[in-house]
């Protein structure tokens, strides 16, 4: 019969092997998930660029023509265009509105005319 020390040692050995496998699996999944995120981000950027080119040139070439020339399904190109984020220009700063502390020149003239006999 195994002693309590033998049992503890066997459990520890079994756990260390399992722990090493768990660590290896977690590290690999973490690396692959990180790589997947980077690839998806790059794919999003590429789709945005494709959509921009299609929209910027839709006056000279249609999606169907692009699909035929590039051997890319037109449904894919249409999906890219419809999913793309519109380019937004930089917002212009609002100019400060002058305060109305002094009466308007027209109001001043009008009030002078009324006051004059």
C-alpha atoms as a PDB file:
ATOM      1  CA  UNK A   1       0.000   0.000   0.000  1.00  0.00           C
ATOM      2  CA  UNK A   2       1.235   3.533  -0.868  1.00  0.00           C
ATOM      3  CA  UNK A   3       2.188   5.836   1.932  1.00  0.00           C
ATOM      4  CA  UNK A   4       0.714   9.323   2.235  1.00  0.00           C
ATOM      5  CA  UNK A   5       4.034  10.747   1.026  1.00  0.00           C
ATOM      6  CA  UNK A   6       3.936   8.497  -2.067  1.00  0.00           C
ATOM      7  CA  UNK A   7       0.363   9.575  -2.792  1.00  0.00           C
ATOM      8  CA  UNK A   8       1.223  13.276  -2.417  1.00  0.00           C
ATOM      9  CA  UNK A   9       4.244  12.858  -4.698  1.00  0.00           C
ATOM     10  CA  UNK A  10       2.197  11.046  -7.372  1.00  0.00           C
ATOM     11  CA  UNK A  11      -0.529  13.695  -7.306  1.00  0.00           C
ATOM     12  CA  UNK A  12       2.076  16.440  -7.544  1.00  0.00           C
ATOM     13  CA  UNK A  13       3.742  14.734 -10.534  1.00  0.00           C
ATOM     14  CA  UNK A  14       0.416  14.259 -12.299  1.00  0.00           C
ATOM     15  CA  UNK A  15      -0.558  17.860 -11.617  1.00  0.00           C
ATOM     16  CA  UNK A  16       2.765  19.271 -12.809  1.00  0.00           C
ATOM     17  CA  UNK A  17       2.466  17.422 -16.117  1.00  0.00           C
ATOM     18  CA  UNK A  18      -1.115  18.624 -16.501  1.00  0.00           C
ATOM     19  CA  UNK A  19      -0.141  22.148 -15.466  1.00  0.00           C
ATOM     20  CA  UNK A  20       2.645  22.261 -18.052  1.00  0.00           C
ATOM     21  CA  UNK A  21       0.228  21.158 -20.789  1.00  0.00           C
ATOM     22  CA  UNK A  22      -2.341  23.730 -19.657  1.00  0.00           C
ATOM     23  CA  UNK A  23       0.294  26.479 -19.675  1.00  0.00           C
ATOM     24  CA  UNK A  24       1.496  25.495 -23.139  1.00  0.00           C
ATOM     25  CA  UNK A  25      -2.079  25.435 -24.497  1.00  0.00           C
ATOM     26  CA  UNK A  26      -2.944  28.799 -22.936  1.00  0.00           C
ATOM     27  CA  UNK A  27       0.210  30.436 -24.313  1.00  0.00           C
ATOM     28  CA  UNK A  28      -0.423  29.099 -27.823  1.00  0.00           C
ATOM     29  CA  UNK A  29      -4.066  30.175 -27.827  1.00  0.00           C
ATOM     30  CA  UNK A  30      -3.049  33.618 -26.547  1.00  0.00           C
ATOM     31  CA  UNK A  31      -0.454  34.066 -29.291  1.00  0.00           C
ATOM     32  CA  UNK A  32      -2.840  32.893 -32.015  1.00  0.00           C
ATOM     33  CA  UNK A  33      -5.666  35.095 -30.740  1.00  0.00           C
ATOM     34  CA  UNK A  34      -3.342  38.098 -30.756  1.00  0.00           C
ATOM     35  CA  UNK A  35      -2.245  37.304 -34.314  1.00  0.00           C
ATOM     36  CA  UNK A  36      -5.879  36.827 -35.364  1.00  0.00           C
ATOM     37  CA  UNK A  37      -6.787  40.258 -33.999  1.00  0.00           C
ATOM     38  CA  UNK A  38      -3.947  41.857 -35.961  1.00  0.00           C
ATOM     39  CA  UNK A  39      -4.982  40.066 -39.168  1.00  0.00           C
ATOM     40  CA  UNK A  40      -8.626  41.126 -38.750  1.00  0.00           C
ATOM     41  CA  UNK A  41      -7.561  44.718 -38.174  1.00  0.00           C
ATOM     42  CA  UNK A  42      -5.428  44.647 -41.318  1.00  0.00           C
ATOM     43  CA  UNK A  43      -8.308  43.085 -43.285  1.00  0.00           C
ATOM     44  CA  UNK A  44     -10.604  45.882 -42.115  1.00  0.00           C
ATOM     45  CA  UNK A  45      -8.066  48.446 -43.326  1.00  0.00           C
ATOM     46  CA  UNK A  46      -7.789  46.707 -46.710  1.00  0.00           C
ATOM     47  CA  UNK A  47     -11.577  46.578 -47.077  1.00  0.00           C
ATOM     48  CA  UNK A  48     -11.744  50.302 -46.284  1.00  0.00           C
ATOM     49  CA  UNK A  49      -9.134  51.014 -48.969  1.00  0.00           C
ATOM     50  CA  UNK A  50     -10.965  48.875 -51.535  1.00  0.00           C
ATOM     51  CA  UNK A  51     -14.230  50.626 -50.745  1.00  0.00           C
ATOM     52  CA  UNK A  52     -12.602  54.048 -51.030  1.00  0.00           C
ATOM     53  CA  UNK A  53     -11.165  53.200 -54.450  1.00  0.00           C
ATOM     54  CA  UNK A  54     -14.505  51.868 -55.687  1.00  0.00           C
ATOM     55  CA  UNK A  55     -16.411  54.935 -54.475  1.00  0.00           C
ATOM     56  CA  UNK A  56     -13.782  57.389 -55.731  1.00  0.00           C
ATOM     57  CA  UNK A  57     -13.847  55.806 -59.200  1.00  0.00           C
ATOM     58  CA  UNK A  58     -17.500  54.845 -59.595  1.00  0.00           C
ATOM     59  CA  UNK A  59     -17.874  57.524 -62.275  1.00  0.00           C
ATOM     60  CA  UNK A  60     -15.420  55.701 -64.555  1.00  0.00           C
ATOM     61  CA  UNK A  61     -15.824  52.029 -63.635  1.00  0.00           C
ATOM     62  CA  UNK A  62     -18.762  50.098 -62.218  1.00  0.00           C
ATOM     63  CA  UNK A  63     -18.601  47.341 -59.635  1.00  0.00           C
ATOM     64  CA  UNK A  64     -19.629  44.756 -62.242  1.00  0.00           C
ATOM     65  CA  UNK A  65     -16.707  45.767 -64.448  1.00  0.00           C
ATOM     66  CA  UNK A  66     -14.306  45.677 -61.509  1.00  0.00           C
ATOM     67  CA  UNK A  67     -15.601  42.233 -60.623  1.00  0.00           C
ATOM     68  CA  UNK A  68     -15.035  40.990 -64.165  1.00  0.00           C
ATOM     69  CA  UNK A  69     -11.535  42.468 -64.430  1.00  0.00           C
ATOM     70  CA  UNK A  70     -10.374  41.323 -60.986  1.00  0.00           C
ATOM     71  CA  UNK A  71     -12.255  37.999 -60.905  1.00  0.00           C
ATOM     72  CA  UNK A  72     -13.696  39.064 -57.576  1.00  0.00           C
ATOM     73  CA  UNK A  73     -17.398  38.362 -57.064  1.00  0.00           C
ATOM     74  CA  UNK A  74     -19.408  41.565 -57.417  1.00  0.00           C
ATOM     75  CA  UNK A  75     -21.350  40.564 -54.290  1.00  0.00           C
ATOM     76  CA  UNK A  76     -18.085  40.713 -52.327  1.00  0.00           C
ATOM     77  CA  UNK A  77     -17.257  44.152 -53.707  1.00  0.00           C
ATOM     78  CA  UNK A  78     -20.767  45.420 -53.002  1.00  0.00           C
ATOM     79  CA  UNK A  79     -20.549  44.098 -49.449  1.00  0.00           C
ATOM     80  CA  UNK A  80     -17.213  45.867 -48.943  1.00  0.00           C
ATOM     81  CA  UNK A  81     -18.694  49.142 -50.210  1.00  0.00           C
ATOM     82  CA  UNK A  82     -21.820  48.880 -48.075  1.00  0.00           C
ATOM     83  CA  UNK A  83     -19.846  47.986 -44.939  1.00  0.00           C
ATOM     84  CA  UNK A  84     -17.238  50.691 -45.321  1.00  0.00           C
ATOM     85  CA  UNK A  85     -17.078  53.632 -42.985  1.00  0.00           C
ATOM     86  CA  UNK A  86     -17.390  56.938 -44.780  1.00  0.00           C
ATOM     87  CA  UNK A  87     -14.306  59.088 -44.735  1.00  0.00           C
ATOM     88  CA  UNK A  88     -14.918  61.998 -42.489  1.00  0.00           C
ATOM     89  CA  UNK A  89     -13.119  65.223 -43.043  1.00  0.00           C
ATOM     90  CA  UNK A  90     -11.695  67.134 -40.175  1.00  0.00           C
ATOM     91  CA  UNK A  91     -14.263  69.225 -38.421  1.00  0.00           C
ATOM     92  CA  UNK A  92     -13.867  72.916 -38.843  1.00  0.00           C
ATOM     93  CA  UNK A  93     -13.665  74.902 -35.685  1.00  0.00           C
ATOM     94  CA  UNK A  94     -16.514  77.255 -35.131  1.00  0.00           C
ATOM     95  CA  UNK A  95     -15.563  80.848 -35.208  1.00  0.00           C
ATOM     96  CA  UNK A  96     -16.537  82.845 -32.192  1.00  0.00           C
ATOM     97  CA  UNK A  97     -19.768  84.764 -32.613  1.00  0.00           C
ATOM     98  CA  UNK A  98     -19.220  88.420 -31.716  1.00  0.00           C
ATOM     99  CA  UNK A  99     -21.103  89.356 -28.614  1.00  0.00           C
ATOM    100  CA  UNK A 100     -23.931  91.817 -28.909  1.00  0.00           C
ATOM    101  CA  UNK A 101     -22.825  94.214 -26.187  1.00  0.00           C
ATOM    102  CA  UNK A 102     -23.117  97.366 -28.290  1.00  0.00           C
ATOM    103  CA  UNK A 103     -26.354  98.210 -30.064  1.00  0.00           C
ATOM    104  CA  UNK A 104     -26.498  97.555 -33.744  1.00  0.00           C
ATOM    105  CA  UNK A 105     -25.577 100.523 -35.968  1.00  0.00           C
ATOM    106  CA  UNK A 106     -28.982 100.392 -37.655  1.00  0.00           C
ATOM    107  CA  UNK A 107     -30.721 100.458 -34.285  1.00  0.00           C
ATOM    108  CA  UNK A 108     -28.675 103.510 -33.269  1.00  0.00           C
ATOM    109  CA  UNK A 109     -29.616 105.374 -36.437  1.00  0.00           C
ATOM    110  CA  UNK A 110     -33.271 104.436 -36.070  1.00  0.00           C
ATOM    111  CA  UNK A 111     -33.409 105.574 -32.466  1.00  0.00           C
ATOM    112  CA  UNK A 112     -31.730 108.900 -33.352  1.00  0.00           C
ATOM    113  CA  UNK A 113     -34.276 109.547 -36.079  1.00  0.00           C
ATOM    114  CA  UNK A 114     -37.156 108.924 -33.699  1.00  0.00           C
ATOM    115  CA  UNK A 115     -35.705 111.207 -31.030  1.00  0.00           C
ATOM    116  CA  UNK A 116     -35.117 114.092 -33.449  1.00  0.00           C
ATOM    117  CA  UNK A 117     -38.018 116.564 -33.805  1.00  0.00           C
END
